Amino acid sequence: MKSFGFPRARRMVSRGHFRRVQAEGTKVVTRHFVFLASVNGLDFSRLGLAVSRKVGPAVVRNRVKRVVREAFRLNRPFEGRGVDLVVIPRAALPKPAQLTVVESDFAEMERRLNKMLNLGEATP
């Protein structure tokens, strides 16, 4: 049975992790997000969020973070291939944030990054 938890190990929490991805990472821009990704050498992917005040007031920013975490948790992009992923929502994101919009951008990002980073296709 697949675990759908989101433990601390799957989160990017230190400033150093974010700086490394920003310095070494590959950038993919979609309609609603900017994604920065870097191979981390682990067996699992980690998520980091950077939501600026341009996105909206605190209640909107918090909802965006919840929905992005949920999409990451359910879809597990780059599972088994170890990628650190920083997600930066753009101000153009529709309010309120919808899981379907986020999931479609995640799918586009994963498809494009698989080609750019030569990661191969997702494992079932």
C-alpha atoms as a PDB file:
ATOM      1  CA  MET A   1       0.000   0.000   0.000  1.00  0.00           C
ATOM      2  CA  LYS A   2       1.346   3.405  -0.972  1.00  0.00           C
ATOM      3  CA  SER A   3       1.978   5.791   1.913  1.00  0.00           C
ATOM      4  CA  PHE A   4       0.466   9.239   1.406  1.00  0.00           C
ATOM      5  CA  GLY A   5       2.113  10.930   4.389  1.00  0.00           C
ATOM      6  CA  PHE A   6       4.307  14.009   4.128  1.00  0.00           C
ATOM      7  CA  PRO A   7       7.100  13.499   6.679  1.00  0.00           C
ATOM      8  CA  ARG A   8       9.759  16.073   7.500  1.00  0.00           C
ATOM      9  CA  ALA A   9      12.315  14.166   5.399  1.00  0.00           C
ATOM     10  CA  ARG A  10      10.291  15.015   2.259  1.00  0.00           C
ATOM     11  CA  ARG A  11      10.384  18.749   3.006  1.00  0.00           C
ATOM     12  CA  MET A  12      13.156  21.204   2.289  1.00  0.00           C
ATOM     13  CA  VAL A  13      13.536  23.147   5.505  1.00  0.00           C
ATOM     14  CA  SER A  14      17.008  24.677   5.622  1.00  0.00           C
ATOM     15  CA  ARG A  15      18.162  27.796   3.858  1.00  0.00           C
ATOM     16  CA  GLY A  16      21.132  25.862   2.480  1.00  0.00           C
ATOM     17  CA  HIS A  17      18.854  23.440   0.628  1.00  0.00           C
ATOM     18  CA  PHE A  18      17.004  26.315  -1.037  1.00  0.00           C
ATOM     19  CA  ARG A  19      20.250  28.080  -1.969  1.00  0.00           C
ATOM     20  CA  ARG A  20      21.708  24.907  -3.483  1.00  0.00           C
ATOM     21  CA  VAL A  21      18.638  24.364  -5.662  1.00  0.00           C
ATOM     22  CA  GLN A  22      18.635  28.018  -6.677  1.00  0.00           C
ATOM     23  CA  ALA A  23      22.337  27.910  -7.597  1.00  0.00           C
ATOM     24  CA  GLU A  24      22.479  24.479  -9.268  1.00  0.00           C
ATOM     25  CA  GLY A  25      18.880  23.870 -10.255  1.00  0.00           C
ATOM     26  CA  THR A  26      17.041  23.770 -13.535  1.00  0.00           C
ATOM     27  CA  LYS A  27      14.182  26.233 -13.986  1.00  0.00           C
ATOM     28  CA  VAL A  28      10.814  25.444 -15.557  1.00  0.00           C
ATOM     29  CA  VAL A  29       8.194  28.166 -15.895  1.00  0.00           C
ATOM     30  CA  THR A  30       4.525  27.265 -16.320  1.00  0.00           C
ATOM     31  CA  ARG A  31       1.500  29.514 -16.458  1.00  0.00           C
ATOM     32  CA  HIS A  32       0.994  29.552 -12.683  1.00  0.00           C
ATOM     33  CA  PHE A  33       4.336  28.478 -11.181  1.00  0.00           C
ATOM     34  CA  VAL A  34       8.097  28.708 -11.413  1.00  0.00           C
ATOM     35  CA  PHE A  35       9.726  25.376 -10.566  1.00  0.00           C
ATOM     36  CA  LEU A  36      13.389  24.971  -9.630  1.00  0.00           C
ATOM     37  CA  ALA A  37      14.658  21.397  -9.542  1.00  0.00           C
ATOM     38  CA  SER A  38      17.968  19.792  -8.684  1.00  0.00           C
ATOM     39  CA  VAL A  39      18.966  16.142  -8.278  1.00  0.00           C
ATOM     40  CA  ASN A  40      19.538  15.476  -4.559  1.00  0.00           C
ATOM     41  CA  GLY A  41      21.154  12.011  -4.512  1.00  0.00           C
ATOM     42  CA  LEU A  42      18.415  10.556  -2.299  1.00  0.00           C
ATOM     43  CA  ASP A  43      15.804   7.910  -3.135  1.00  0.00           C
ATOM     44  CA  PHE A  44      12.958  10.371  -2.682  1.00  0.00           C
ATOM     45  CA  SER A  45      11.992  13.875  -3.730  1.00  0.00           C
ATOM     46  CA  ARG A  46      11.708  16.849  -1.409  1.00  0.00           C
ATOM     47  CA  LEU A  47       9.466  19.904  -1.682  1.00  0.00           C
ATOM     48  CA  GLY A  48      10.229  23.509  -0.818  1.00  0.00           C
ATOM     49  CA  LEU A  49       7.792  26.416  -1.126  1.00  0.00           C
ATOM     50  CA  ALA A  50       8.524  30.106  -1.581  1.00  0.00           C
ATOM     51  CA  VAL A  51       5.301  32.113  -1.652  1.00  0.00           C
ATOM     52  CA  SER A  52       5.683  35.892  -1.873  1.00  0.00           C
ATOM     53  CA  ARG A  53       3.200  38.511  -0.757  1.00  0.00           C
ATOM     54  CA  LYS A  54       2.475  39.284  -4.413  1.00  0.00           C
ATOM     55  CA  VAL A  55       0.323  36.141  -4.431  1.00  0.00           C
ATOM     56  CA  GLY A  56      -2.112  37.694  -1.965  1.00  0.00           C
ATOM     57  CA  PRO A  57      -2.880  38.093   1.722  1.00  0.00           C
ATOM     58  CA  ALA A  58      -1.891  35.449   4.268  1.00  0.00           C
ATOM     59  CA  VAL A  59      -5.090  33.428   3.913  1.00  0.00           C
ATOM     60  CA  VAL A  60      -4.528  33.106   0.132  1.00  0.00           C
ATOM     61  CA  ARG A  61      -0.814  32.292   0.510  1.00  0.00           C
ATOM     62  CA  ASN A  62      -1.584  29.613   3.097  1.00  0.00           C
ATOM     63  CA  ARG A  63      -4.200  28.005   0.840  1.00  0.00           C
ATOM     64  CA  VAL A  64      -1.740  27.978  -2.064  1.00  0.00           C
ATOM     65  CA  LYS A  65       0.829  26.241   0.149  1.00  0.00           C
ATOM     66  CA  ARG A  66      -1.719  23.659   1.324  1.00  0.00           C
ATOM     67  CA  VAL A  67      -2.852  22.870  -2.220  1.00  0.00           C
ATOM     68  CA  VAL A  68       0.727  22.606  -3.561  1.00  0.00           C
ATOM     69  CA  ARG A  69       1.714  20.291  -0.683  1.00  0.00           C
ATOM     70  CA  GLU A  70      -1.380  18.175  -1.358  1.00  0.00           C
ATOM     71  CA  ALA A  71      -0.554  17.883  -5.080  1.00  0.00           C
ATOM     72  CA  PHE A  72       3.037  16.914  -4.248  1.00  0.00           C
ATOM     73  CA  ARG A  73       1.916  14.403  -1.612  1.00  0.00           C
ATOM     74  CA  LEU A  74      -0.654  12.718  -3.865  1.00  0.00           C
ATOM     75  CA  ASN A  75       1.308  12.681  -7.131  1.00  0.00           C
ATOM     76  CA  ARG A  76       4.839  12.087  -5.811  1.00  0.00           C
ATOM     77  CA  PRO A  77       6.709  13.615  -8.765  1.00  0.00           C
ATOM     78  CA  PHE A  78      10.104  12.056  -9.521  1.00  0.00           C
ATOM     79  CA  GLU A  79       9.439   9.192  -7.092  1.00  0.00           C
ATOM     80  CA  GLY A  80      12.544   7.043  -6.676  1.00  0.00           C
ATOM     81  CA  ARG A  81      14.728   9.520  -8.581  1.00  0.00           C
ATOM     82  CA  GLY A  82      15.632  12.010  -5.844  1.00  0.00           C
ATOM     83  CA  VAL A  83      14.867  15.572  -6.898  1.00  0.00           C
ATOM     84  CA  ASP A  84      14.690  18.677  -4.715  1.00  0.00           C
ATOM     85  CA  LEU A  85      11.838  20.808  -5.992  1.00  0.00           C
ATOM     86  CA  VAL A  86      11.252  24.458  -5.090  1.00  0.00           C
ATOM     87  CA  VAL A  87       7.824  25.745  -6.117  1.00  0.00           C
ATOM     88  CA  ILE A  88       7.266  29.487  -6.508  1.00  0.00           C
ATOM     89  CA  PRO A  89       3.638  30.441  -7.240  1.00  0.00           C
ATOM     90  CA  ARG A  90       3.121  33.338  -9.621  1.00  0.00           C
ATOM     91  CA  ALA A  91       0.651  36.145  -8.973  1.00  0.00           C
ATOM     92  CA  ALA A  92      -1.413  34.903 -11.959  1.00  0.00           C
ATOM     93  CA  LEU A  93      -2.528  31.830  -9.990  1.00  0.00           C
ATOM     94  CA  PRO A  94      -6.348  31.814  -9.853  1.00  0.00           C
ATOM     95  CA  LYS A  95      -7.871  32.434  -6.455  1.00  0.00           C
ATOM     96  CA  PRO A  96      -8.832  30.288  -4.688  1.00  0.00           C
ATOM     97  CA  ALA A  97      -6.119  27.840  -5.679  1.00  0.00           C
ATOM     98  CA  GLN A  98      -7.571  24.657  -7.189  1.00  0.00           C
ATOM     99  CA  LEU A  99      -5.954  21.236  -6.902  1.00  0.00           C
ATOM    100  CA  THR A 100      -6.691  20.444 -10.568  1.00  0.00           C
ATOM    101  CA  VAL A 101      -4.821  23.565 -11.748  1.00  0.00           C
ATOM    102  CA  VAL A 102      -1.837  22.739  -9.553  1.00  0.00           C
ATOM    103  CA  GLU A 103      -1.804  19.083 -10.636  1.00  0.00           C
ATOM    104  CA  SER A 104      -1.848  20.016 -14.329  1.00  0.00           C
ATOM    105  CA  ASP A 105       1.116  22.371 -13.851  1.00  0.00           C
ATOM    106  CA  PHE A 106       2.935  19.660 -11.856  1.00  0.00           C
ATOM    107  CA  ALA A 107       2.385  17.168 -14.708  1.00  0.00           C
ATOM    108  CA  GLU A 108       3.707  19.642 -17.287  1.00  0.00           C
ATOM    109  CA  MET A 109       6.707  20.444 -15.087  1.00  0.00           C
ATOM    110  CA  GLU A 110       7.546  16.772 -14.526  1.00  0.00           C
ATOM    111  CA  ARG A 111       7.312  16.010 -18.247  1.00  0.00           C
ATOM    112  CA  ARG A 112       9.610  18.914 -19.143  1.00  0.00           C
ATOM    113  CA  LEU A 113      12.116  18.242 -16.349  1.00  0.00           C
ATOM    114  CA  ASN A 114      12.340  14.544 -17.235  1.00  0.00           C
ATOM    115  CA  LYS A 115      13.656  15.639 -20.631  1.00  0.00           C
ATOM    116  CA  MET A 116      15.923  18.386 -19.284  1.00  0.00           C
ATOM    117  CA  LEU A 117      17.496  16.347 -16.464  1.00  0.00           C
ATOM    118  CA  ASN A 118      17.488  13.025 -18.377  1.00  0.00           C
ATOM    119  CA  LEU A 119      15.674  11.321 -15.518  1.00  0.00           C
ATOM    120  CA  GLY A 120      13.662   8.923 -17.633  1.00  0.00           C
ATOM    121  CA  GLU A 121       9.998   8.180 -17.174  1.00  0.00           C
ATOM    122  CA  ALA A 122       8.224   7.881 -13.851  1.00  0.00           C
ATOM    123  CA  THR A 123       8.192   4.489 -12.164  1.00  0.00           C
ATOM    124  CA  PRO A 124       4.788   3.029 -11.263  1.00  0.00           C
END
